[in-house]
Amino acid sequence: MFNDRPHDQLRPWKIEPSPYGAAPGRVIVSAGRTVVLCTASVEEEVPPWMKGEGKGWVTAEYNMLPGSTQPRKRRERSGKVDGRTTEIQRLIGRSLRAIVDLQALGERSVTVDCDVLEADGGTRTAAITGAYVALVGALRSLDAFAGSAPLPLTDSVAAVSVGILEDQPILDLDYKEDFAAETDMNVVM
């Protein structure tokens, strides 16, 4: 064991409705001490390059608040997003688009915002899992998918990290485990 947790056990996870924000889909996801606010907003338009195609778009933005880590993380300025953030935004967006029927969504855009409030490893996986729940909330708020109408989803999605630590496989790495791991990766399913 490392950090007093069996290697095959998740940290405590919790997903709760968020009281913050005006977005129709919003949750706070916690994985151990990692906390991410995920909101999903819907616009009745698509990006210019998709107009007239009759299908929708899902994208994501990811940000770590300055006080989410020690030492403080510098705030990213508009237009100056670092490579790590860009990679994570793409991972979240692709994970969601893989399970959304974009044709059934119609010409709408859903933007999911994932803001890390506290980082202790697994921010990507917490963001993907929370983004899915926020997306479902946003879709349920639309008149087109009210009542018993099926949501334009083909599946669910969640994510978890796995790694090798002290020559043993380990699930859901926190920051100390991630730092000490020989290797790790994120599994999106």
N, C-alpha and C. Protein backbone atom coordinates (compact mmCIF):
# COMPACT_ATOMS: atom_id res chain seq x y z
N MET A 1 0.84 -1.19 0.00
CA MET A 1 0.00 0.00 0.00
C MET A 1 0.88 1.24 0.00
N PHE A 2 0.37 2.29 -0.59
CA PHE A 2 1.02 3.60 -0.63
C PHE A 2 -0.07 4.58 -0.22
N ASN A 3 0.23 5.50 0.64
CA ASN A 3 -0.78 6.45 1.14
C ASN A 3 -1.95 5.73 1.82
N ASP A 4 -1.68 4.58 2.45
CA ASP A 4 -2.68 3.83 3.23
C ASP A 4 -3.93 3.46 2.43
N ARG A 5 -3.79 3.19 1.14
CA ARG A 5 -4.93 2.80 0.32
C ARG A 5 -4.52 1.59 -0.52
N PRO A 6 -5.34 0.55 -0.53
CA PRO A 6 -5.01 -0.59 -1.39
C PRO A 6 -4.87 -0.14 -2.84
N HIS A 7 -3.95 -0.76 -3.57
CA HIS A 7 -3.67 -0.35 -4.95
C HIS A 7 -4.85 -0.50 -5.89
N ASP A 8 -5.78 -1.39 -5.59
CA ASP A 8 -6.90 -1.62 -6.50
C ASP A 8 -8.16 -0.85 -6.09
N GLN A 9 -8.00 0.14 -5.25
CA GLN A 9 -9.15 0.88 -4.72
C GLN A 9 -9.13 2.34 -5.19
N LEU A 10 -10.30 2.82 -5.63
CA LEU A 10 -10.44 4.24 -5.97
C LEU A 10 -10.33 5.09 -4.72
N ARG A 11 -9.90 6.31 -4.89
CA ARG A 11 -10.04 7.28 -3.81
C ARG A 11 -11.54 7.53 -3.64
N PRO A 12 -11.99 8.14 -2.54
CA PRO A 12 -13.42 8.45 -2.43
C PRO A 12 -13.84 9.42 -3.55
N TRP A 13 -14.85 9.05 -4.31
CA TRP A 13 -15.39 9.88 -5.39
C TRP A 13 -16.79 10.34 -5.00
N LYS A 14 -17.09 11.58 -5.40
CA LYS A 14 -18.43 12.12 -5.15
C LYS A 14 -18.76 13.08 -6.29
N ILE A 15 -19.98 13.00 -6.81
CA ILE A 15 -20.48 13.93 -7.82
C ILE A 15 -21.76 14.52 -7.28
N GLU A 16 -21.78 15.85 -7.15
CA GLU A 16 -22.94 16.54 -6.57
C GLU A 16 -23.39 17.67 -7.48
N PRO A 17 -24.69 17.99 -7.48
CA PRO A 17 -25.14 19.18 -8.20
C PRO A 17 -24.42 20.40 -7.64
N SER A 18 -24.07 21.32 -8.52
CA SER A 18 -23.38 22.53 -8.07
C SER A 18 -24.36 23.68 -7.89
N PRO A 19 -24.24 24.42 -6.80
CA PRO A 19 -25.08 25.61 -6.63
C PRO A 19 -24.51 26.82 -7.38
N TYR A 20 -23.34 26.66 -8.00
CA TYR A 20 -22.66 27.79 -8.63
C TYR A 20 -22.93 27.84 -10.12
N GLY A 21 -23.11 29.05 -10.63
CA GLY A 21 -23.23 29.25 -12.06
C GLY A 21 -24.65 29.24 -12.56
N ALA A 22 -24.79 29.69 -13.81
CA ALA A 22 -26.11 29.77 -14.44
C ALA A 22 -26.29 28.69 -15.51
N ALA A 23 -25.26 27.92 -15.77
CA ALA A 23 -25.35 26.88 -16.80
C ALA A 23 -26.38 25.83 -16.40
N PRO A 24 -27.12 25.30 -17.37
CA PRO A 24 -28.14 24.29 -17.04
C PRO A 24 -27.56 22.96 -16.54
N GLY A 25 -26.35 22.63 -16.94
CA GLY A 25 -25.70 21.43 -16.44
C GLY A 25 -24.52 21.84 -15.59
N ARG A 26 -24.53 21.46 -14.30
CA ARG A 26 -23.40 21.86 -13.45
C ARG A 26 -23.26 20.91 -12.26
N VAL A 27 -22.04 20.44 -12.08
CA VAL A 27 -21.74 19.53 -10.98
C VAL A 27 -20.38 19.86 -10.40
N ILE A 28 -20.19 19.41 -9.17
CA ILE A 28 -18.86 19.42 -8.56
C ILE A 28 -18.48 17.97 -8.36
N VAL A 29 -17.33 17.60 -8.93
CA VAL A 29 -16.85 16.23 -8.79
C VAL A 29 -15.60 16.24 -7.91
N SER A 30 -15.58 15.32 -6.96
CA SER A 30 -14.43 15.18 -6.06
C SER A 30 -13.87 13.77 -6.20
N ALA A 31 -12.56 13.69 -6.31
CA ALA A 31 -11.85 12.42 -6.33
C ALA A 31 -10.73 12.56 -5.32
N GLY A 32 -10.94 12.01 -4.13
CA GLY A 32 -9.99 12.28 -3.05
C GLY A 32 -10.02 13.77 -2.75
N ARG A 33 -8.84 14.41 -2.77
CA ARG A 33 -8.78 15.85 -2.51
C ARG A 33 -8.85 16.68 -3.79
N THR A 34 -8.98 16.05 -4.93
CA THR A 34 -9.15 16.78 -6.19
C THR A 34 -10.62 17.19 -6.31
N VAL A 35 -10.84 18.47 -6.64
CA VAL A 35 -12.21 19.00 -6.77
C VAL A 35 -12.29 19.79 -8.08
N VAL A 36 -13.28 19.45 -8.92
CA VAL A 36 -13.45 20.11 -10.21
C VAL A 36 -14.91 20.54 -10.36
N LEU A 37 -15.11 21.79 -10.74
CA LEU A 37 -16.43 22.32 -11.07
C LEU A 37 -16.62 22.15 -12.57
N CYS A 38 -17.66 21.44 -12.98
CA CYS A 38 -17.96 21.21 -14.39
C CYS A 38 -19.32 21.81 -14.73
N THR A 39 -19.36 22.68 -15.72
CA THR A 39 -20.62 23.27 -16.17
C THR A 39 -20.77 23.03 -17.67
N ALA A 40 -22.01 22.88 -18.12
CA ALA A 40 -22.29 22.68 -19.54
C ALA A 40 -23.35 23.68 -19.98
N SER A 41 -23.03 24.43 -21.02
CA SER A 41 -23.92 25.44 -21.58
C SER A 41 -24.26 25.09 -23.02
N VAL A 42 -25.48 25.42 -23.42
CA VAL A 42 -25.95 25.11 -24.77
C VAL A 42 -26.23 26.41 -25.51
N GLU A 43 -25.77 26.47 -26.75
CA GLU A 43 -26.08 27.60 -27.64
C GLU A 43 -26.81 27.04 -28.85
N GLU A 44 -27.79 27.79 -29.33
CA GLU A 44 -28.59 27.35 -30.47
C GLU A 44 -27.90 27.72 -31.78
N GLU A 45 -26.62 27.44 -31.87
CA GLU A 45 -25.85 27.66 -33.09
C GLU A 45 -24.62 26.76 -33.05
N VAL A 46 -24.01 26.59 -34.20
CA VAL A 46 -22.79 25.79 -34.29
C VAL A 46 -21.65 26.69 -34.76
N PRO A 47 -20.42 26.23 -34.66
CA PRO A 47 -19.30 27.01 -35.18
C PRO A 47 -19.51 27.28 -36.68
N PRO A 48 -18.99 28.40 -37.17
CA PRO A 48 -19.19 28.76 -38.58
C PRO A 48 -18.85 27.65 -39.57
N TRP A 49 -17.83 26.88 -39.30
CA TRP A 49 -17.41 25.82 -40.22
C TRP A 49 -18.37 24.64 -40.25
N MET A 50 -19.39 24.64 -39.35
CA MET A 50 -20.37 23.53 -39.31
C MET A 50 -21.76 23.95 -39.76
N LYS A 51 -21.97 25.23 -40.03
CA LYS A 51 -23.30 25.72 -40.40
C LYS A 51 -23.83 24.97 -41.63
N GLY A 52 -25.11 24.61 -41.54
CA GLY A 52 -25.76 23.95 -42.66
C GLY A 52 -25.54 22.44 -42.74
N GLU A 53 -24.75 21.88 -41.85
CA GLU A 53 -24.51 20.43 -41.88
C GLU A 53 -25.59 19.64 -41.15
N GLY A 54 -26.44 20.34 -40.38
CA GLY A 54 -27.52 19.67 -39.68
C GLY A 54 -27.11 18.88 -38.45
N LYS A 55 -25.91 19.13 -37.97
CA LYS A 55 -25.48 18.43 -36.76
C LYS A 55 -24.84 19.40 -35.79
N GLY A 56 -24.71 18.93 -34.56
CA GLY A 56 -24.20 19.78 -33.49
C GLY A 56 -22.72 19.57 -33.20
N TRP A 57 -22.28 20.26 -32.15
CA TRP A 57 -20.88 20.22 -31.76
C TRP A 57 -20.77 20.24 -30.24
N VAL A 58 -19.80 19.52 -29.73
CA VAL A 58 -19.51 19.52 -28.29
C VAL A 58 -18.03 19.82 -28.13
N THR A 59 -17.73 20.77 -27.27
CA THR A 59 -16.34 21.15 -27.02
C THR A 59 -16.14 21.36 -25.53
N ALA A 60 -14.90 21.48 -25.12
CA ALA A 60 -14.61 21.63 -23.69
C ALA A 60 -13.50 22.63 -23.46
N GLU A 61 -13.57 23.28 -22.32
CA GLU A 61 -12.49 24.14 -21.85
C GLU A 61 -12.11 23.66 -20.46
N TYR A 62 -10.82 23.75 -20.15
CA TYR A 62 -10.28 23.25 -18.89
C TYR A 62 -9.35 24.32 -18.33
N ASN A 63 -9.41 24.49 -17.02
CA ASN A 63 -8.56 25.49 -16.39
C ASN A 63 -8.28 25.07 -14.95
N MET A 64 -7.06 25.30 -14.52
CA MET A 64 -6.72 25.10 -13.12
C MET A 64 -6.65 26.48 -12.47
N LEU A 65 -7.47 26.70 -11.47
CA LEU A 65 -7.43 27.99 -10.78
C LEU A 65 -6.09 28.17 -10.09
N PRO A 66 -5.60 29.41 -10.00
CA PRO A 66 -4.28 29.64 -9.42
C PRO A 66 -4.08 29.02 -8.04
N GLY A 67 -5.08 29.06 -7.19
CA GLY A 67 -4.95 28.52 -5.84
C GLY A 67 -5.20 27.03 -5.73
N SER A 68 -5.36 26.34 -6.87
CA SER A 68 -5.67 24.91 -6.82
C SER A 68 -4.43 24.06 -6.53
N THR A 69 -3.26 24.64 -6.63
CA THR A 69 -2.02 23.89 -6.42
C THR A 69 -1.06 24.68 -5.53
N GLN A 70 -0.07 23.97 -5.03
CA GLN A 70 1.06 24.59 -4.34
C GLN A 70 2.32 24.18 -5.08
N PRO A 71 3.14 25.08 -5.56
CA PRO A 71 2.93 26.52 -5.47
C PRO A 71 1.80 26.97 -6.40
N ARG A 72 1.40 28.22 -6.23
CA ARG A 72 0.33 28.82 -7.02
C ARG A 72 0.61 28.64 -8.51
N LYS A 73 -0.42 28.27 -9.26
CA LYS A 73 -0.30 28.15 -10.72
C LYS A 73 -0.63 29.50 -11.33
N ARG A 74 0.23 29.95 -12.21
CA ARG A 74 -0.03 31.23 -12.88
C ARG A 74 -1.30 31.12 -13.72
N ARG A 75 -2.09 32.18 -13.69
CA ARG A 75 -3.33 32.22 -14.48
C ARG A 75 -2.98 32.31 -15.97
N GLU A 76 -3.67 31.50 -16.76
CA GLU A 76 -3.47 31.57 -18.21
C GLU A 76 -4.28 32.74 -18.74
N ARG A 77 -3.69 33.49 -19.61
CA ARG A 77 -4.35 34.65 -20.21
C ARG A 77 -5.02 34.25 -21.51
N SER A 78 -6.01 35.03 -21.90
CA SER A 78 -6.73 34.78 -23.15
C SER A 78 -5.76 34.61 -24.31
N GLY A 79 -5.94 33.55 -25.07
CA GLY A 79 -5.09 33.33 -26.23
C GLY A 79 -3.73 32.73 -25.91
N LYS A 80 -3.42 32.55 -24.63
CA LYS A 80 -2.11 32.01 -24.25
C LYS A 80 -2.29 30.76 -23.39
N VAL A 81 -2.97 29.78 -23.92
CA VAL A 81 -3.22 28.54 -23.21
C VAL A 81 -2.01 27.63 -23.42
N ASP A 82 -1.49 27.05 -22.33
CA ASP A 82 -0.30 26.20 -22.47
C ASP A 82 -0.64 24.85 -23.11
N GLY A 83 0.39 24.13 -23.51
CA GLY A 83 0.21 22.86 -24.21
C GLY A 83 -0.54 21.82 -23.39
N ARG A 84 -0.26 21.76 -22.09
CA ARG A 84 -0.93 20.79 -21.22
C ARG A 84 -2.43 21.06 -21.20
N THR A 85 -2.80 22.33 -21.04
CA THR A 85 -4.22 22.69 -21.00
C THR A 85 -4.90 22.37 -22.33
N THR A 86 -4.25 22.69 -23.43
CA THR A 86 -4.80 22.39 -24.75
C THR A 86 -5.04 20.89 -24.91
N GLU A 87 -4.06 20.09 -24.50
CA GLU A 87 -4.18 18.63 -24.58
C GLU A 87 -5.37 18.13 -23.76
N ILE A 88 -5.53 18.65 -22.56
CA ILE A 88 -6.62 18.21 -21.68
C ILE A 88 -7.97 18.63 -22.25
N GLN A 89 -8.07 19.86 -22.77
CA GLN A 89 -9.33 20.32 -23.38
C GLN A 89 -9.71 19.41 -24.54
N ARG A 90 -8.75 19.05 -25.36
CA ARG A 90 -9.03 18.15 -26.50
C ARG A 90 -9.47 16.78 -26.02
N LEU A 91 -8.81 16.26 -24.99
CA LEU A 91 -9.16 14.95 -24.45
C LEU A 91 -10.60 14.95 -23.93
N ILE A 92 -10.99 15.98 -23.20
CA ILE A 92 -12.35 16.07 -22.67
C ILE A 92 -13.35 16.17 -23.83
N GLY A 93 -13.10 17.08 -24.76
CA GLY A 93 -14.01 17.26 -25.90
C GLY A 93 -14.16 15.99 -26.72
N ARG A 94 -13.06 15.32 -27.03
CA ARG A 94 -13.12 14.09 -27.83
C ARG A 94 -13.84 12.97 -27.07
N SER A 95 -13.61 12.91 -25.77
CA SER A 95 -14.28 11.88 -24.96
C SER A 95 -15.79 12.06 -25.00
N LEU A 96 -16.25 13.31 -24.94
CA LEU A 96 -17.69 13.58 -24.99
C LEU A 96 -18.26 13.37 -26.39
N ARG A 97 -17.56 13.86 -27.41
CA ARG A 97 -18.07 13.69 -28.78
C ARG A 97 -18.18 12.22 -29.17
N ALA A 98 -17.37 11.37 -28.56
CA ALA A 98 -17.42 9.94 -28.87
C ALA A 98 -18.73 9.29 -28.45
N ILE A 99 -19.47 9.94 -27.54
CA ILE A 99 -20.71 9.32 -27.05
C ILE A 99 -21.95 10.19 -27.34
N VAL A 100 -21.77 11.28 -28.08
CA VAL A 100 -22.90 12.14 -28.45
C VAL A 100 -23.26 11.88 -29.91
N ASP A 101 -24.55 11.70 -30.18
CA ASP A 101 -25.04 11.60 -31.55
C ASP A 101 -25.19 13.04 -32.05
N LEU A 102 -24.17 13.53 -32.74
CA LEU A 102 -24.14 14.94 -33.15
C LEU A 102 -25.27 15.26 -34.12
N GLN A 103 -25.71 14.29 -34.92
CA GLN A 103 -26.84 14.50 -35.83
C GLN A 103 -28.12 14.73 -35.02
N ALA A 104 -28.35 13.90 -34.02
CA ALA A 104 -29.55 14.02 -33.18
C ALA A 104 -29.52 15.29 -32.33
N LEU A 105 -28.33 15.78 -32.02
CA LEU A 105 -28.20 17.03 -31.25
C LEU A 105 -28.75 18.21 -32.03
N GLY A 106 -28.69 18.13 -33.36
CA GLY A 106 -29.15 19.24 -34.18
C GLY A 106 -28.12 20.36 -34.18
N GLU A 107 -28.44 21.46 -34.84
CA GLU A 107 -27.47 22.55 -34.95
C GLU A 107 -27.39 23.34 -33.65
N ARG A 108 -26.77 22.72 -32.68
CA ARG A 108 -26.53 23.32 -31.36
C ARG A 108 -25.09 23.06 -30.98
N SER A 109 -24.56 23.91 -30.11
CA SER A 109 -23.22 23.70 -29.55
C SER A 109 -23.34 23.56 -28.05
N VAL A 110 -22.63 22.60 -27.51
CA VAL A 110 -22.53 22.45 -26.05
C VAL A 110 -21.07 22.70 -25.69
N THR A 111 -20.86 23.64 -24.78
CA THR A 111 -19.52 23.90 -24.26
C THR A 111 -19.49 23.47 -22.81
N VAL A 112 -18.57 22.59 -22.50
CA VAL A 112 -18.39 22.14 -21.12
C VAL A 112 -17.14 22.82 -20.57
N ASP A 113 -17.30 23.49 -19.45
CA ASP A 113 -16.18 24.15 -18.77
C ASP A 113 -15.82 23.36 -17.53
N CYS A 114 -14.55 23.01 -17.40
CA CYS A 114 -14.06 22.26 -16.24
C CYS A 114 -13.01 23.12 -15.54
N ASP A 115 -13.33 23.57 -14.34
CA ASP A 115 -12.42 24.42 -13.57
C ASP A 115 -11.96 23.67 -12.33
N VAL A 116 -10.65 23.44 -12.24
CA VAL A 116 -10.08 22.72 -11.11
C VAL A 116 -9.99 23.67 -9.93
N LEU A 117 -10.71 23.33 -8.86
CA LEU A 117 -10.69 24.13 -7.64
C LEU A 117 -9.57 23.69 -6.71
N GLU A 118 -9.32 22.38 -6.69
CA GLU A 118 -8.22 21.82 -5.89
C GLU A 118 -7.64 20.63 -6.65
N ALA A 119 -6.32 20.62 -6.79
CA ALA A 119 -5.65 19.58 -7.57
C ALA A 119 -4.82 18.68 -6.67
N ASP A 120 -5.15 17.39 -6.67
CA ASP A 120 -4.35 16.39 -5.98
C ASP A 120 -4.30 15.13 -6.83
N GLY A 121 -3.96 15.30 -8.11
CA GLY A 121 -3.88 14.19 -9.04
C GLY A 121 -5.23 13.83 -9.62
N GLY A 122 -5.22 13.34 -10.85
CA GLY A 122 -6.46 12.89 -11.49
C GLY A 122 -7.39 14.00 -11.94
N THR A 123 -6.85 15.20 -12.21
CA THR A 123 -7.75 16.29 -12.62
C THR A 123 -8.38 16.01 -13.98
N ARG A 124 -7.64 15.39 -14.89
CA ARG A 124 -8.20 15.06 -16.22
C ARG A 124 -9.36 14.09 -16.08
N THR A 125 -9.15 13.04 -15.29
CA THR A 125 -10.17 12.00 -15.19
C THR A 125 -11.40 12.51 -14.44
N ALA A 126 -11.19 13.31 -13.42
CA ALA A 126 -12.33 13.91 -12.71
C ALA A 126 -13.08 14.85 -13.64
N ALA A 127 -12.34 15.61 -14.46
CA ALA A 127 -12.97 16.54 -15.39
C ALA A 127 -13.80 15.80 -16.44
N ILE A 128 -13.28 14.72 -16.99
CA ILE A 128 -14.03 13.96 -18.00
C ILE A 128 -15.31 13.39 -17.39
N THR A 129 -15.20 12.79 -16.22
CA THR A 129 -16.37 12.19 -15.57
C THR A 129 -17.40 13.25 -15.22
N GLY A 130 -16.96 14.35 -14.64
CA GLY A 130 -17.88 15.45 -14.29
C GLY A 130 -18.46 16.11 -15.53
N ALA A 131 -17.66 16.23 -16.59
CA ALA A 131 -18.13 16.84 -17.83
C ALA A 131 -19.30 16.05 -18.41
N TYR A 132 -19.22 14.73 -18.34
CA TYR A 132 -20.32 13.89 -18.84
C TYR A 132 -21.60 14.16 -18.05
N VAL A 133 -21.51 14.20 -16.74
CA VAL A 133 -22.70 14.41 -15.91
C VAL A 133 -23.28 15.81 -16.17
N ALA A 134 -22.41 16.81 -16.31
CA ALA A 134 -22.88 18.17 -16.62
C ALA A 134 -23.53 18.21 -18.00
N LEU A 135 -22.95 17.50 -18.97
CA LEU A 135 -23.53 17.43 -20.32
C LEU A 135 -24.94 16.86 -20.28
N VAL A 136 -25.14 15.79 -19.55
CA VAL A 136 -26.47 15.18 -19.42
C VAL A 136 -27.45 16.20 -18.84
N GLY A 137 -27.04 16.93 -17.80
CA GLY A 137 -27.90 17.95 -17.21
C GLY A 137 -28.28 19.03 -18.20
N ALA A 138 -27.31 19.48 -19.00
CA ALA A 138 -27.59 20.51 -20.00
C ALA A 138 -28.55 20.00 -21.07
N LEU A 139 -28.34 18.78 -21.53
CA LEU A 139 -29.23 18.22 -22.56
C LEU A 139 -30.65 18.04 -22.03
N ARG A 140 -30.78 17.62 -20.79
CA ARG A 140 -32.11 17.45 -20.20
C ARG A 140 -32.86 18.77 -20.08
N SER A 141 -32.14 19.88 -20.06
CA SER A 141 -32.79 21.19 -19.93
C SER A 141 -33.40 21.68 -21.24
N LEU A 142 -33.06 21.05 -22.34
CA LEU A 142 -33.55 21.48 -23.65
C LEU A 142 -34.96 20.95 -23.91
N ASP A 143 -35.82 21.79 -24.45
CA ASP A 143 -37.18 21.38 -24.78
C ASP A 143 -37.19 20.18 -25.74
N ALA A 144 -36.25 20.13 -26.66
CA ALA A 144 -36.20 19.05 -27.65
C ALA A 144 -36.00 17.68 -27.00
N PHE A 145 -35.44 17.67 -25.80
CA PHE A 145 -35.16 16.39 -25.13
C PHE A 145 -35.87 16.30 -23.78
N ALA A 146 -36.98 17.03 -23.66
CA ALA A 146 -37.75 17.03 -22.40
C ALA A 146 -38.60 15.76 -22.31
N GLY A 147 -39.06 15.50 -21.11
CA GLY A 147 -39.94 14.35 -20.89
C GLY A 147 -39.27 13.04 -21.21
N SER A 148 -39.94 12.24 -22.04
CA SER A 148 -39.42 10.91 -22.35
C SER A 148 -38.60 10.87 -23.64
N ALA A 149 -38.38 12.04 -24.25
CA ALA A 149 -37.58 12.06 -25.48
C ALA A 149 -36.16 11.58 -25.17
N PRO A 150 -35.61 10.71 -26.02
CA PRO A 150 -34.26 10.20 -25.74
C PRO A 150 -33.21 11.30 -25.92
N LEU A 151 -32.22 11.27 -25.06
CA LEU A 151 -31.10 12.20 -25.18
C LEU A 151 -30.23 11.77 -26.36
N PRO A 152 -29.55 12.72 -27.01
CA PRO A 152 -28.71 12.37 -28.16
C PRO A 152 -27.37 11.77 -27.72
N LEU A 153 -27.46 10.72 -26.92
CA LEU A 153 -26.25 10.07 -26.42
C LEU A 153 -26.25 8.61 -26.86
N THR A 154 -25.09 8.11 -27.22
CA THR A 154 -24.97 6.71 -27.62
C THR A 154 -24.41 5.85 -26.49
N ASP A 155 -23.89 6.49 -25.45
CA ASP A 155 -23.27 5.76 -24.34
C ASP A 155 -23.01 6.73 -23.20
N SER A 156 -22.39 6.24 -22.15
CA SER A 156 -21.91 7.05 -21.03
C SER A 156 -20.40 7.11 -21.14
N VAL A 157 -19.78 7.99 -20.36
CA VAL A 157 -18.32 8.04 -20.34
C VAL A 157 -17.84 8.39 -18.94
N ALA A 158 -16.74 7.78 -18.55
CA ALA A 158 -16.06 8.08 -17.29
C ALA A 158 -14.58 7.81 -17.51
N ALA A 159 -13.75 8.25 -16.59
CA ALA A 159 -12.31 8.07 -16.74
C ALA A 159 -11.66 7.82 -15.39
N VAL A 160 -10.50 7.16 -15.44
CA VAL A 160 -9.72 6.90 -14.23
C VAL A 160 -8.25 6.78 -14.64
N SER A 161 -7.36 7.12 -13.73
CA SER A 161 -5.94 6.95 -14.00
C SER A 161 -5.47 5.61 -13.45
N VAL A 162 -4.47 5.05 -14.10
CA VAL A 162 -3.82 3.83 -13.64
C VAL A 162 -2.32 4.02 -13.80
N GLY A 163 -1.55 3.31 -13.00
CA GLY A 163 -0.11 3.45 -13.09
C GLY A 163 0.61 2.28 -12.45
N ILE A 164 1.93 2.35 -12.50
CA ILE A 164 2.79 1.36 -11.85
C ILE A 164 3.57 2.12 -10.77
N LEU A 165 3.42 1.67 -9.54
CA LEU A 165 4.08 2.29 -8.40
C LEU A 165 4.70 1.19 -7.55
N GLU A 166 5.99 1.31 -7.28
CA GLU A 166 6.70 0.29 -6.51
C GLU A 166 6.48 -1.10 -7.12
N ASP A 167 6.55 -1.16 -8.46
CA ASP A 167 6.37 -2.39 -9.24
C ASP A 167 4.99 -3.01 -9.11
N GLN A 168 4.01 -2.25 -8.66
CA GLN A 168 2.64 -2.74 -8.50
C GLN A 168 1.68 -1.85 -9.30
N PRO A 169 0.67 -2.45 -9.95
CA PRO A 169 -0.35 -1.62 -10.60
C PRO A 169 -1.15 -0.88 -9.53
N ILE A 170 -1.52 0.36 -9.84
CA ILE A 170 -2.29 1.17 -8.89
C ILE A 170 -3.38 1.91 -9.65
N LEU A 171 -4.51 2.08 -9.01
CA LEU A 171 -5.70 2.70 -9.59
C LEU A 171 -5.91 4.09 -9.00
N ASP A 172 -6.31 5.06 -9.83
CA ASP A 172 -6.74 6.39 -9.38
C ASP A 172 -5.66 7.09 -8.55
N LEU A 173 -4.57 7.44 -9.21
CA LEU A 173 -3.41 8.02 -8.53
C LEU A 173 -3.67 9.43 -8.02
N ASP A 174 -3.26 9.69 -6.78
CA ASP A 174 -3.25 11.07 -6.29
C ASP A 174 -1.91 11.70 -6.69
N TYR A 175 -1.68 12.95 -6.29
CA TYR A 175 -0.48 13.64 -6.74
C TYR A 175 0.80 12.92 -6.30
N LYS A 176 0.89 12.53 -5.04
CA LYS A 176 2.11 11.87 -4.54
C LYS A 176 2.34 10.54 -5.27
N GLU A 177 1.28 9.79 -5.49
CA GLU A 177 1.40 8.52 -6.20
C GLU A 177 1.81 8.75 -7.65
N ASP A 178 1.20 9.74 -8.30
CA ASP A 178 1.53 10.07 -9.67
C ASP A 178 2.99 10.49 -9.79
N PHE A 179 3.45 11.32 -8.87
CA PHE A 179 4.83 11.82 -8.87
C PHE A 179 5.83 10.67 -8.72
N ALA A 180 5.49 9.69 -7.89
CA ALA A 180 6.39 8.57 -7.61
C ALA A 180 6.24 7.41 -8.59
N ALA A 181 5.21 7.42 -9.41
CA ALA A 181 4.92 6.29 -10.31
C ALA A 181 5.99 6.14 -11.38
N GLU A 182 6.25 4.89 -11.73
CA GLU A 182 7.17 4.62 -12.84
C GLU A 182 6.53 5.00 -14.17
N THR A 183 5.23 4.76 -14.27
CA THR A 183 4.47 5.13 -15.46
C THR A 183 3.01 5.25 -15.08
N ASP A 184 2.27 6.01 -15.86
CA ASP A 184 0.83 6.12 -15.62
C ASP A 184 0.12 6.52 -16.90
N MET A 185 -1.19 6.33 -16.91
CA MET A 185 -2.00 6.74 -18.05
C MET A 185 -3.45 6.92 -17.60
N ASN A 186 -4.21 7.58 -18.44
CA ASN A 186 -5.63 7.77 -18.17
C ASN A 186 -6.43 6.83 -19.06
N VAL A 187 -7.43 6.20 -18.46
CA VAL A 187 -8.31 5.29 -19.20
C VAL A 187 -9.68 5.95 -19.27
N VAL A 188 -10.15 6.16 -20.50
CA VAL A 188 -11.47 6.76 -20.72
C VAL A 188 -12.35 5.66 -21.28
N MET A 189 -13.49 5.42 -20.62
CA MET A 189 -14.35 4.32 -21.06
C MET A 189 -15.80 4.71 -21.01
